Protein backbone atom coordinates (compact mmCIF):
# COMPACT_ATOMS: atom_id res chain seq x y z
CA UNK A 1 0.00 0.00 0.00
CA UNK A 2 1.13 3.55 -0.69
CA UNK A 3 4.03 2.31 -2.82
CA UNK A 4 4.27 5.71 -4.53
CA UNK A 5 6.10 7.19 -1.55
CA UNK A 6 9.09 4.91 -2.31
CA UNK A 7 9.38 5.91 -5.98
CA UNK A 8 11.69 8.74 -7.01
CA UNK A 9 10.47 9.20 -10.60
CA UNK A 10 7.65 11.76 -10.41
CA UNK A 11 5.78 10.44 -13.48
CA UNK A 12 5.76 6.90 -12.09
CA UNK A 13 4.78 8.22 -8.67
CA UNK A 14 1.76 10.03 -10.14
CA UNK A 15 0.70 6.91 -12.02
CA UNK A 16 0.92 4.76 -8.90
CA UNK A 17 -1.14 7.29 -6.95
CA UNK A 18 -3.76 7.40 -9.72
CA UNK A 19 -4.15 3.63 -9.83
CA UNK A 20 -3.93 3.22 -6.05
CA UNK A 21 -0.70 1.24 -5.85
CA UNK A 22 0.00 -2.42 -6.55
CA UNK A 23 -3.39 -4.08 -6.69
CA UNK A 24 -5.78 -5.01 -3.92
CA UNK A 25 -4.72 -6.65 -0.70
CA UNK A 26 -6.05 -9.94 -2.05
CA UNK A 27 -3.83 -9.86 -5.16
CA UNK A 28 -0.74 -8.14 -3.74
CA UNK A 29 0.70 -11.25 -2.05
CA UNK A 30 0.47 -13.25 -5.26
CA UNK A 31 2.09 -10.49 -7.27
CA UNK A 32 4.97 -10.23 -4.79
CA UNK A 33 5.50 -14.01 -4.85
CA UNK A 34 5.67 -13.89 -8.65
CA UNK A 35 8.29 -11.11 -8.50
CA UNK A 36 10.34 -13.15 -6.01
CA UNK A 37 10.09 -16.30 -8.13
CA UNK A 38 11.22 -14.38 -11.23
CA UNK A 39 14.23 -12.92 -9.41
CA UNK A 40 13.11 -9.28 -9.24
CA UNK A 41 12.79 -9.22 -5.44
CA UNK A 42 14.47 -10.99 -2.53
CA UNK A 43 13.41 -11.27 1.09
CA UNK A 44 15.80 -9.86 3.69
CA UNK A 45 14.29 -10.55 7.09
CA UNK A 46 10.94 -8.79 7.13
CA UNK A 47 11.92 -6.47 4.26
CA UNK A 48 11.84 -6.97 0.52
CA UNK A 49 14.66 -5.66 -1.64
CA UNK A 50 14.86 -5.35 -5.39
CA UNK A 51 17.59 -7.27 -7.16
CA UNK A 52 19.81 -5.84 -9.87
CA UNK A 53 17.44 -7.38 -12.43
CA UNK A 54 14.44 -5.85 -10.67
CA UNK A 55 15.97 -2.37 -10.73
CA UNK A 56 16.85 -2.69 -14.42
């Protein structure tokens, strides 16, 4: 929720605010698992970090 506050690019930030972030609470967990499985995110304790591929 409120992912826009973590984005530096103003155009992307506006888009995320307009569409209300990364899906509903029901779909967000599945989306995050997909990103982890594809190598875009990794878990570090309770945090999630983007990988080099994810940032590209």
